[in-house]
Amino acid sequence: MIEHLHPLLSPLAPPERFTYPFCYEPHPLCQKATDEVQQYIASHEVVKEDADRGKMFGVLVCEDDGGHIGFLAAYSGLLAGRNDWDYFVPPVFDAQQPDGYFKTREREISLASQHAPLTSKLMSQDLQLWLFHQYRLLNARGETRDLVQLWQEYYSRPRLQRKFPLPPGGTGDCCAPKLLQYAYLKGLKPRCMAEFWWGATTKTELRQHLNYYPACRGKCKPILTWMLQGLDVDPDPETLGFERMELPVVYEDDAIVVVDKPSGMLSVPGRIEQFSVETVMQQRYPGSVICHRLDMGTSGLLIVAKSMAAYHPMQEQFVRHQVRKKYIALLESTALSSERNSSLFTLHSSLKSGTISLPLRPDPMNRPRQVVDMEHGKRAVTDYEFLPLSSPLSTVNCQLSSVNSHRVALYPQTGRTHQLRIHCAHPDGLGRPIKGDELYGTKADRLYLHAAEIWFRHPITEREMHLASPCPF
């Protein structure tokens, strides 16, 4: 019997190929394994108390050399200050031993910092580099690289090496590397994997209790690119192409065209996918340029300039915040696992309208996610107004509601990436994510966010324009 390998009794067959860890739907075997891990957490008071603060857990369904299916479980970082829980796999490297080199050296650095801060800083940098070299990670072919080697191989181009010379602290302590490392060491064949969030959202981690999430890209993408070599892995869904959608026109003249972008269509070409509003418009009107963007999941009004002569005056209006936009969003029916969030949401909804000001910046370790940063973030301001659930702008009688569902109108004063999504989901915002927001809430059939109205001045005639698109939900 392999330690930490838990039996998984199911008639289901494992998938033919391993999970693509950065975009996936959890396999039913992973869902069954997740259920068992969640039962364990709920039944162990110390574990649950720490996990309730917010923690990522993961499962890896494996096959032993006898063809028997079981699963491994892991958590990111430490759990209740420990990394030696019997139910979970051990870390790739254990730096927590009180008498080990790492902890001993940490104490020496702490003493040195009191009288020689510069020396202690250099000692700390050397210790961090030593620690990275202790993470010797396997791949499915049995090859080994330490964390520094595989990091520098992944960022091999000189410009990227200068930008990412070494891994950030905590790299290698996420669920996925722990699970794969243990499976390889024990001769187990990985079959599928999933990660889920347990506990409350935090101001930096806008995640929902028990939701599944992909592996982080900042810390885990270089590692998993190495560790998955030798496995037959599902393709990156982004390489499979997107559905070719119709692009209705709401308004058109010689200078501009305003389209009604469907949910699921890119505004501009992506890293792999070329089909987008911009490419469709350029085929119809060579030399055209889109004047602003909507997230792929957001539907609604998008202005396209047919020439640079129209584009530049439109851009000036956006820069001067002279373009006004109204979005309609349907918020999730449950708050983010927090009495404080629930009470704040009750306050916001009782006021009917207000303003949210939360500065934003990208999360470099988990793109494309954004985070609220009061010190370094860029100004982001949104006005909001709670609406009746059946809005006059809706083309259908909304059947998605429960007694706790809420429809809001959102008026962004600034145009930061994911601004509306974070201002709805964040504990200091509305405290409820937009329905279907898989980054900050729960995945659904679409993102329930629609750019419903827009006000601007025509770039050539200077006539005041107001256009509307009926909300499709």
Protein backbone atom coordinates (compact mmCIF):
# COMPACT_ATOMS: atom_id res chain seq x y z
CA MET A 1 0.00 0.00 0.00
CA ILE A 2 1.45 3.35 -1.05
CA GLU A 3 1.33 5.96 1.72
CA HIS A 4 -0.97 8.94 1.02
CA LEU A 5 -2.68 7.08 -1.87
CA HIS A 6 -6.39 6.88 -1.08
CA PRO A 7 -8.64 4.27 -2.73
CA LEU A 8 -11.16 5.58 -5.24
CA LEU A 9 -13.96 3.12 -5.89
CA SER A 10 -15.79 4.00 -9.08
CA PRO A 11 -16.90 2.23 -12.26
CA LEU A 12 -15.78 5.29 -14.24
CA ALA A 13 -12.80 4.94 -16.54
CA PRO A 14 -10.04 7.56 -16.30
CA PRO A 15 -9.58 9.92 -19.26
CA GLU A 16 -7.32 9.00 -22.16
CA ARG A 17 -5.20 12.12 -21.70
CA PHE A 18 -4.07 14.03 -18.64
CA THR A 19 -5.67 17.32 -17.58
CA TYR A 20 -4.42 20.51 -19.20
CA PRO A 21 -3.88 22.29 -15.86
CA PHE A 22 -4.50 25.91 -16.93
CA CYS A 23 -7.99 25.44 -18.38
CA TYR A 24 -10.15 22.40 -17.71
CA GLU A 25 -13.45 20.90 -16.65
CA PRO A 26 -12.83 18.50 -13.73
CA HIS A 27 -13.22 14.84 -14.63
CA PRO A 28 -15.90 12.95 -12.62
CA LEU A 29 -13.16 10.92 -10.91
CA CYS A 30 -11.59 14.17 -9.71
CA GLN A 31 -14.98 15.37 -8.51
CA LYS A 32 -15.40 12.16 -6.50
CA ALA A 33 -11.91 12.53 -5.02
CA THR A 34 -12.64 16.18 -4.22
CA ASP A 35 -15.79 15.15 -2.32
CA GLU A 36 -13.70 12.89 -0.10
CA VAL A 37 -11.09 15.58 0.57
CA GLN A 38 -13.81 18.06 1.48
CA GLN A 39 -15.31 15.54 3.92
CA TYR A 40 -11.88 15.15 5.51
CA ILE A 41 -11.45 18.92 5.89
CA ALA A 42 -14.92 19.34 7.38
CA SER A 43 -14.33 16.58 9.94
CA HIS A 44 -10.94 17.79 11.25
CA GLU A 45 -11.36 20.87 13.39
CA VAL A 46 -7.80 22.23 13.23
CA VAL A 47 -7.59 21.70 9.48
CA LYS A 48 -10.99 23.26 8.89
CA GLU A 49 -10.28 26.28 11.08
CA ASP A 50 -7.21 27.17 9.04
CA ALA A 51 -8.78 26.25 5.68
CA ASP A 52 -11.82 28.43 6.43
CA ARG A 53 -9.53 31.46 6.09
CA GLY A 54 -9.04 30.54 2.42
CA LYS A 55 -6.86 27.76 1.00
CA MET A 56 -6.31 25.99 -2.33
CA PHE A 57 -6.47 22.19 -2.32
CA GLY A 58 -5.82 19.71 -5.11
CA VAL A 59 -6.40 16.08 -6.06
CA LEU A 60 -4.49 13.87 -8.47
CA VAL A 61 -6.13 10.65 -9.67
CA CYS A 62 -3.41 8.04 -10.27
CA GLU A 63 -3.00 4.45 -11.40
CA ASP A 64 -0.55 2.06 -9.74
CA ASP A 65 1.43 -0.65 -11.52
CA GLY A 66 -1.42 -3.11 -10.87
CA GLY A 67 -3.94 -0.93 -12.68
CA HIS A 68 -5.72 0.17 -9.48
CA ILE A 69 -7.09 3.72 -9.33
CA GLY A 70 -6.60 5.95 -6.30
CA PHE A 71 -6.02 9.61 -5.53
CA LEU A 72 -3.51 11.87 -3.84
CA ALA A 73 -4.43 15.12 -2.07
CA ALA A 74 -2.42 18.30 -1.43
CA TYR A 75 -2.75 21.88 -0.24
CA SER A 76 -0.82 24.99 -1.24
CA GLY A 77 1.78 26.30 1.19
CA LEU A 78 1.29 25.32 4.83
CA LEU A 79 -1.87 24.08 6.52
CA ALA A 80 -2.29 25.21 10.15
CA GLY A 81 1.45 25.96 10.14
CA ARG A 82 2.37 22.40 9.12
CA ASN A 83 3.33 20.53 6.00
CA ASP A 84 3.30 16.99 7.45
CA TRP A 85 -0.39 16.04 7.60
CA ASP A 86 -0.75 12.29 7.07
CA TYR A 87 -3.71 12.62 4.70
CA PHE A 88 -1.82 14.85 2.26
CA VAL A 89 1.34 14.37 0.22
CA PRO A 90 4.54 15.94 1.61
CA PRO A 91 6.14 19.08 0.11
CA VAL A 92 8.67 18.84 -2.69
CA PHE A 93 11.24 20.05 -0.14
CA ASP A 94 10.65 20.43 3.59
CA ALA A 95 12.16 23.71 4.76
CA GLN A 96 10.23 23.73 8.04
CA GLN A 97 12.42 21.38 10.11
CA PRO A 98 13.40 23.41 13.22
CA ASP A 99 16.99 22.11 13.24
CA GLY A 100 17.40 22.02 9.46
CA TYR A 101 19.75 24.28 7.55
CA PHE A 102 17.01 26.66 6.34
CA LYS A 103 15.49 27.41 9.75
CA THR A 104 18.90 27.58 11.43
CA ARG A 105 20.15 30.04 8.84
CA GLU A 106 16.92 32.07 9.13
CA ARG A 107 17.58 32.56 12.84
CA GLU A 108 21.14 33.68 12.12
CA ILE A 109 19.89 36.22 9.56
CA SER A 110 17.32 37.54 12.02
CA LEU A 111 20.07 38.18 14.59
CA ALA A 112 22.36 39.79 12.00
CA SER A 113 19.59 42.17 10.87
CA GLN A 114 19.73 43.95 14.23
CA HIS A 115 23.28 45.28 13.76
CA ALA A 116 24.17 44.63 10.07
CA PRO A 117 21.05 45.06 7.90
CA LEU A 118 22.95 45.07 4.59
CA THR A 119 24.80 41.88 5.48
CA SER A 120 21.58 40.22 6.58
CA LYS A 121 19.94 41.15 3.26
CA LEU A 122 22.75 39.49 1.30
CA MET A 123 22.55 36.43 3.55
CA SER A 124 18.79 36.26 2.96
CA GLN A 125 19.26 36.37 -0.83
CA ASP A 126 21.85 33.58 -0.66
CA LEU A 127 19.52 31.48 1.50
CA GLN A 128 16.64 31.93 -0.95
CA LEU A 129 18.84 30.84 -3.84
CA TRP A 130 19.99 27.80 -1.83
CA LEU A 131 16.37 26.93 -1.17
CA PHE A 132 15.44 27.08 -4.87
CA HIS A 133 18.23 24.62 -5.66
CA GLN A 134 16.74 22.13 -3.16
CA TYR A 135 13.53 21.84 -5.19
CA ARG A 136 14.56 19.05 -7.60
CA LEU A 137 11.53 18.36 -9.73
CA LEU A 138 10.85 15.28 -11.81
CA ASN A 139 8.97 14.92 -15.07
CA ALA A 140 7.16 11.87 -16.46
CA ARG A 141 10.33 10.74 -18.24
CA GLY A 142 12.20 10.50 -14.93
CA GLU A 143 14.40 13.52 -15.65
CA THR A 144 15.26 16.03 -12.92
CA ARG A 145 15.74 19.79 -12.87
CA ASP A 146 16.08 22.04 -9.87
CA LEU A 147 13.84 25.08 -9.67
CA VAL A 148 16.50 27.52 -10.89
CA GLN A 149 17.40 25.35 -13.90
CA LEU A 150 13.86 24.83 -15.13
CA TRP A 151 12.98 28.48 -14.51
CA GLN A 152 15.89 29.69 -16.60
CA GLU A 153 15.14 27.15 -19.33
CA TYR A 154 11.53 28.36 -19.50
CA TYR A 155 12.61 32.01 -19.65
CA SER A 156 15.50 31.34 -22.01
CA ARG A 157 15.30 34.50 -24.12
CA PRO A 158 17.62 37.25 -22.78
CA ARG A 159 14.86 39.83 -22.35
CA LEU A 160 12.72 37.39 -20.36
CA GLN A 161 15.71 36.24 -18.32
CA ARG A 162 16.30 39.83 -17.25
CA LYS A 163 12.64 40.22 -16.34
CA PHE A 164 12.32 36.83 -14.57
CA PRO A 165 15.82 35.94 -13.35
CA LEU A 166 14.65 33.75 -10.45
CA PRO A 167 11.35 32.30 -9.24
CA PRO A 168 9.29 34.27 -6.73
CA GLY A 169 9.14 33.07 -3.15
CA GLY A 170 6.80 30.15 -2.56
CA THR A 171 7.30 28.69 -6.04
CA GLY A 172 7.07 24.91 -5.92
CA ASP A 173 4.71 24.85 -2.92
CA CYS A 174 1.43 24.88 -4.87
CA CYS A 175 -0.76 21.78 -5.11
CA ALA A 176 0.10 20.63 -8.63
CA PRO A 177 3.91 20.34 -8.22
CA LYS A 178 3.49 18.53 -4.88
CA LEU A 179 1.05 16.03 -6.37
CA LEU A 180 3.02 15.24 -9.52
CA GLN A 181 6.34 15.00 -7.67
CA TYR A 182 4.95 12.46 -5.21
CA ALA A 183 3.29 10.43 -7.96
CA TYR A 184 6.53 10.21 -9.94
CA LEU A 185 8.56 9.28 -6.86
CA LYS A 186 6.14 6.43 -6.06
CA GLY A 187 5.89 5.13 -9.63
CA LEU A 188 2.25 6.16 -10.04
CA LYS A 189 0.77 7.15 -13.39
CA PRO A 190 -1.09 10.48 -13.23
CA ARG A 191 -4.51 10.29 -14.94
CA CYS A 192 -6.32 13.56 -14.13
CA MET A 193 -6.06 16.48 -11.72
CA ALA A 194 -8.17 19.29 -10.27
CA GLU A 195 -7.77 22.10 -7.74
CA PHE A 196 -10.45 23.77 -5.62
CA TRP A 197 -10.73 26.64 -3.16
CA TRP A 198 -11.96 26.10 0.39
CA GLY A 199 -13.05 28.93 2.67
CA ALA A 200 -13.55 32.65 2.59
CA THR A 201 -12.52 35.04 -0.12
CA THR A 202 -9.77 37.47 0.80
CA LYS A 203 -8.95 40.94 -0.47
CA THR A 204 -6.25 39.45 -2.70
CA GLU A 205 -7.89 36.12 -3.55
CA LEU A 206 -11.37 36.63 -5.00
CA ARG A 207 -12.29 32.95 -5.04
CA GLN A 208 -15.47 31.11 -4.17
CA HIS A 209 -15.81 28.32 -1.62
CA LEU A 210 -15.59 24.84 -3.28
CA ASN A 211 -15.10 26.22 -6.80
CA TYR A 212 -12.56 24.57 -9.12
CA TYR A 213 -9.71 26.74 -10.41
CA PRO A 214 -6.83 26.24 -12.85
CA ALA A 215 -3.23 26.16 -11.71
CA CYS A 216 -1.64 29.59 -11.33
CA ARG A 217 0.36 30.70 -14.35
CA GLY A 218 3.01 32.86 -12.67
CA LYS A 219 4.54 30.25 -10.37
CA CYS A 220 3.25 26.99 -11.86
CA LYS A 221 3.41 27.49 -15.64
CA PRO A 222 7.23 27.13 -15.86
CA ILE A 223 7.21 24.22 -13.40
CA LEU A 224 4.36 22.27 -14.98
CA THR A 225 5.71 22.83 -18.48
CA TRP A 226 8.66 20.74 -17.26
CA MET A 227 6.85 18.24 -15.03
CA LEU A 228 4.24 17.26 -17.64
CA GLN A 229 6.85 16.34 -20.25
CA GLY A 230 6.39 12.66 -21.03
CA LEU A 231 2.64 12.65 -20.33
CA ASP A 232 -0.07 12.70 -23.00
CA VAL A 233 -1.82 15.94 -22.01
CA ASP A 234 -5.06 17.50 -23.25
CA PRO A 235 -4.41 20.34 -25.71
CA ASP A 236 -4.63 23.95 -24.64
CA PRO A 237 -8.28 24.87 -25.41
CA GLU A 238 -7.09 28.23 -26.72
CA THR A 239 -5.34 26.40 -29.58
CA LEU A 240 -8.58 24.73 -30.73
CA GLY A 241 -10.11 27.90 -32.15
CA PHE A 242 -13.30 29.78 -31.37
CA GLU A 243 -16.79 29.58 -32.77
CA ARG A 244 -17.26 31.96 -35.71
CA MET A 245 -20.06 34.24 -34.54
CA GLU A 246 -22.25 36.76 -36.30
CA LEU A 247 -21.46 40.39 -35.54
CA PRO A 248 -24.63 42.53 -35.72
CA VAL A 249 -24.34 46.21 -36.62
CA VAL A 250 -26.26 48.71 -34.46
CA TYR A 251 -25.21 51.90 -36.24
CA GLU A 252 -23.11 52.74 -39.29
CA ASP A 253 -22.10 55.78 -41.35
CA ASP A 254 -19.08 56.80 -43.41
CA ALA A 255 -16.87 57.33 -40.35
CA ILE A 256 -17.82 54.74 -37.71
CA VAL A 257 -19.66 51.50 -37.18
CA VAL A 258 -21.04 50.37 -33.82
CA VAL A 259 -21.42 46.59 -33.43
CA ASP A 260 -23.17 44.42 -30.85
CA LYS A 261 -20.42 41.99 -29.81
CA PRO A 262 -21.68 38.57 -28.68
CA SER A 263 -20.40 36.94 -25.49
CA GLY A 264 -17.54 34.59 -26.31
CA MET A 265 -15.99 36.66 -29.10
CA LEU A 266 -12.61 38.39 -28.73
CA SER A 267 -12.39 42.14 -29.27
CA VAL A 268 -8.86 41.87 -30.72
CA PRO A 269 -6.81 38.86 -31.82
CA GLY A 270 -5.48 36.76 -28.95
CA ARG A 271 -2.15 35.04 -28.43
CA ILE A 272 -3.29 32.17 -30.67
CA GLU A 273 -6.81 32.91 -31.91
CA GLN A 274 -7.09 35.51 -34.69
CA PHE A 275 -10.89 35.63 -35.11
CA SER A 276 -12.13 38.78 -33.40
CA VAL A 277 -14.18 41.94 -33.83
CA GLU A 278 -11.08 43.70 -35.10
CA THR A 279 -10.25 41.12 -37.78
CA VAL A 280 -13.88 40.91 -38.94
CA MET A 281 -14.09 44.69 -39.20
CA GLN A 282 -10.77 44.94 -41.03
CA GLN A 283 -12.00 42.46 -43.60
CA ARG A 284 -15.16 44.51 -44.13
CA TYR A 285 -13.49 47.91 -43.89
CA PRO A 286 -9.73 47.82 -44.59
CA GLY A 287 -7.93 50.29 -42.36
CA SER A 288 -10.58 50.24 -39.63
CA VAL A 289 -9.60 50.26 -35.94
CA ILE A 290 -11.63 49.37 -32.86
CA CYS A 291 -11.78 52.27 -30.39
CA HIS A 292 -12.06 50.30 -27.13
CA ARG A 293 -12.40 46.71 -25.94
CA LEU A 294 -14.74 44.38 -24.11
CA ASP A 295 -13.71 41.19 -22.31
CA MET A 296 -14.36 38.07 -24.35
CA GLY A 297 -17.27 37.07 -22.09
CA THR A 298 -18.88 40.53 -22.12
CA SER A 299 -21.47 41.28 -24.78
CA GLY A 300 -22.67 44.61 -26.10
CA LEU A 301 -21.74 47.83 -27.85
CA LEU A 302 -18.32 48.38 -29.38
CA ILE A 303 -17.29 51.39 -31.49
CA VAL A 304 -15.13 50.86 -34.59
CA ALA A 305 -13.54 53.73 -36.51
CA LYS A 306 -13.35 53.20 -40.28
CA SER A 307 -10.26 55.38 -40.60
CA MET A 308 -7.55 56.97 -38.51
CA ALA A 309 -9.22 60.32 -39.12
CA ALA A 310 -12.20 59.02 -37.10
CA TYR A 311 -10.12 56.97 -34.67
CA HIS A 312 -8.01 59.79 -33.21
CA PRO A 313 -10.94 62.04 -32.15
CA MET A 314 -12.66 59.00 -30.60
CA GLN A 315 -9.50 58.10 -28.70
CA GLU A 316 -9.25 61.62 -27.36
CA GLN A 317 -12.77 61.29 -25.95
CA PHE A 318 -11.84 58.04 -24.20
CA VAL A 319 -8.66 59.58 -22.78
CA ARG A 320 -10.61 62.56 -21.47
CA HIS A 321 -13.30 60.24 -20.02
CA GLN A 322 -15.93 61.93 -22.20
CA VAL A 323 -17.45 58.63 -23.36
CA ARG A 324 -20.13 57.36 -20.97
CA LYS A 325 -21.08 53.69 -20.80
CA LYS A 326 -23.80 51.75 -19.03
CA TYR A 327 -23.45 48.04 -18.35
CA ILE A 328 -26.07 45.62 -17.06
CA ALA A 329 -24.89 42.77 -14.82
CA LEU A 330 -26.60 39.96 -12.98
CA LEU A 331 -24.88 39.22 -9.67
CA GLU A 332 -24.56 35.78 -8.15
CA SER A 333 -27.23 34.92 -5.64
CA THR A 334 -24.85 34.07 -2.77
CA ALA A 335 -22.23 36.18 -1.08
CA LEU A 336 -18.58 35.15 -0.87
CA SER A 337 -18.70 33.02 2.29
CA SER A 338 -18.45 35.91 4.72
CA GLU A 339 -20.86 37.57 7.14
CA ARG A 340 -19.02 40.84 6.51
CA ASN A 341 -19.53 40.52 2.73
CA SER A 342 -23.20 39.72 3.24
CA SER A 343 -23.79 42.71 5.51
CA LEU A 344 -21.92 45.04 3.13
CA PHE A 345 -23.96 43.77 0.22
CA THR A 346 -27.17 44.34 2.18
CA LEU A 347 -25.99 47.91 2.87
CA HIS A 348 -25.14 48.57 -0.80
CA SER A 349 -28.41 47.13 -2.09
CA SER A 350 -30.46 49.05 0.47
CA LEU A 351 -28.82 52.31 -0.67
CA LYS A 352 -29.87 51.44 -4.26
CA SER A 353 -26.95 53.39 -5.76
CA GLY A 354 -23.44 54.51 -4.95
CA THR A 355 -19.79 54.61 -6.03
CA ILE A 356 -16.98 52.06 -5.69
CA SER A 357 -13.36 53.25 -5.78
CA LEU A 358 -10.81 50.43 -5.63
CA PRO A 359 -7.45 50.87 -7.44
CA LEU A 360 -6.33 47.93 -9.58
CA ARG A 361 -3.15 46.41 -10.95
CA PRO A 362 -2.33 43.14 -12.76
CA ASP A 363 -1.42 40.06 -10.74
CA PRO A 364 1.91 39.12 -12.37
CA MET A 365 1.85 35.65 -10.83
CA ASN A 366 -1.63 34.79 -12.06
CA ARG A 367 -2.46 36.59 -15.28
CA PRO A 368 -4.98 37.66 -16.50
CA ARG A 369 -6.30 38.20 -12.97
CA GLN A 370 -6.21 41.70 -11.50
CA VAL A 371 -5.92 42.62 -7.83
CA VAL A 372 -6.90 45.56 -5.66
CA ASP A 373 -3.78 47.42 -4.51
CA MET A 374 -4.39 50.58 -2.47
CA GLU A 375 -0.71 51.60 -2.73
CA HIS A 376 0.36 50.70 -6.27
CA GLY A 377 -2.91 50.21 -8.14
CA LYS A 378 -4.28 52.60 -10.77
CA ARG A 379 -7.40 54.60 -10.00
CA ALA A 380 -10.59 52.68 -10.83
CA VAL A 381 -14.05 54.12 -10.10
CA THR A 382 -17.51 52.68 -10.83
CA ASP A 383 -20.97 54.07 -10.11
CA TYR A 384 -23.67 51.46 -9.54
CA GLU A 385 -27.44 51.35 -9.38
CA PHE A 386 -29.58 48.38 -8.34
CA LEU A 387 -32.34 47.60 -10.83
CA PRO A 388 -35.55 45.55 -10.79
CA LEU A 389 -34.71 41.98 -11.74
CA SER A 390 -36.79 42.22 -14.92
CA SER A 391 -35.14 45.21 -16.52
CA PRO A 392 -36.92 47.12 -19.32
CA LEU A 393 -33.76 46.64 -21.42
CA SER A 394 -33.95 42.85 -21.19
CA THR A 395 -35.20 41.06 -24.30
CA VAL A 396 -36.42 38.09 -22.27
CA ASN A 397 -38.22 37.61 -19.00
CA CYS A 398 -35.30 36.64 -16.76
CA GLN A 399 -35.80 33.15 -15.37
CA LEU A 400 -32.42 33.07 -13.63
CA SER A 401 -33.51 34.75 -10.44
CA SER A 402 -33.91 33.55 -6.92
CA VAL A 403 -35.06 35.73 -4.06
CA ASN A 404 -31.42 36.78 -3.55
CA SER A 405 -30.48 37.55 -7.17
CA HIS A 406 -29.77 41.14 -8.10
CA ARG A 407 -29.48 43.04 -11.35
CA VAL A 408 -27.29 46.14 -11.36
CA ALA A 409 -26.43 48.93 -13.74
CA LEU A 410 -22.73 49.79 -13.73
CA TYR A 411 -21.30 53.09 -14.95
CA PRO A 412 -17.49 52.99 -15.15
CA GLN A 413 -15.73 56.32 -14.72
CA THR A 414 -12.42 54.69 -15.64
CA GLY A 415 -11.60 51.77 -17.92
CA ARG A 416 -9.28 49.37 -16.09
CA THR A 417 -9.01 45.71 -17.04
CA HIS A 418 -11.66 43.64 -15.21
CA GLN A 419 -12.77 46.77 -13.33
CA LEU A 420 -16.48 45.97 -13.21
CA ARG A 421 -15.86 42.31 -12.40
CA ILE A 422 -13.61 43.07 -9.43
CA HIS A 423 -15.70 45.98 -8.16
CA CYS A 424 -18.65 43.61 -7.96
CA ALA A 425 -16.78 40.64 -6.47
CA HIS A 426 -14.40 42.31 -4.01
CA PRO A 427 -15.32 42.39 -0.29
CA ASP A 428 -14.87 46.18 -0.33
CA GLY A 429 -17.02 46.46 -3.45
CA LEU A 430 -20.45 44.89 -3.82
CA GLY A 431 -19.19 41.59 -2.37
CA ARG A 432 -20.93 39.45 -5.01
CA PRO A 433 -19.33 38.42 -8.30
CA ILE A 434 -21.07 38.75 -11.63
CA LYS A 435 -22.81 35.52 -12.58
CA GLY A 436 -20.62 33.40 -14.84
CA ASP A 437 -17.36 35.14 -13.88
CA GLU A 438 -15.04 32.14 -13.73
CA LEU A 439 -12.05 34.26 -12.66
CA TYR A 440 -13.62 35.91 -9.61
CA GLY A 441 -16.82 33.92 -9.13
CA THR A 442 -18.45 30.80 -10.55
CA LYS A 443 -18.46 29.56 -14.14
CA ALA A 444 -21.78 29.51 -15.98
CA ASP A 445 -22.97 29.35 -19.59
CA ARG A 446 -21.69 32.90 -20.11
CA LEU A 447 -20.53 36.01 -18.27
CA TYR A 448 -23.69 37.92 -17.36
CA LEU A 449 -22.30 41.36 -18.20
CA HIS A 450 -23.62 43.43 -21.11
CA ALA A 451 -22.54 46.82 -22.47
CA ALA A 452 -26.07 48.14 -22.91
CA GLU A 453 -25.73 51.86 -23.66
CA ILE A 454 -23.06 54.30 -24.78
CA TRP A 455 -22.91 58.10 -25.10
CA PHE A 456 -20.24 59.86 -27.18
CA ARG A 457 -19.67 62.68 -29.66
CA HIS A 458 -19.44 61.71 -33.33
CA PRO A 459 -15.74 62.02 -34.28
CA ILE A 460 -16.45 63.85 -37.57
CA THR A 461 -19.82 65.65 -37.27
CA GLU A 462 -19.48 66.18 -33.48
CA ARG A 463 -23.14 65.27 -33.11
CA GLU A 464 -24.04 63.86 -29.68
CA MET A 465 -24.70 60.11 -30.01
CA HIS A 466 -26.60 57.73 -27.72
CA LEU A 467 -26.93 54.07 -28.72
CA ALA A 468 -28.48 51.13 -26.90
CA SER A 469 -28.44 47.35 -27.13
CA PRO A 470 -31.18 45.25 -25.47
CA CYS A 471 -29.78 43.11 -22.66
CA PRO A 472 -29.89 39.43 -23.73
CA PHE A 473 -30.45 38.10 -20.19
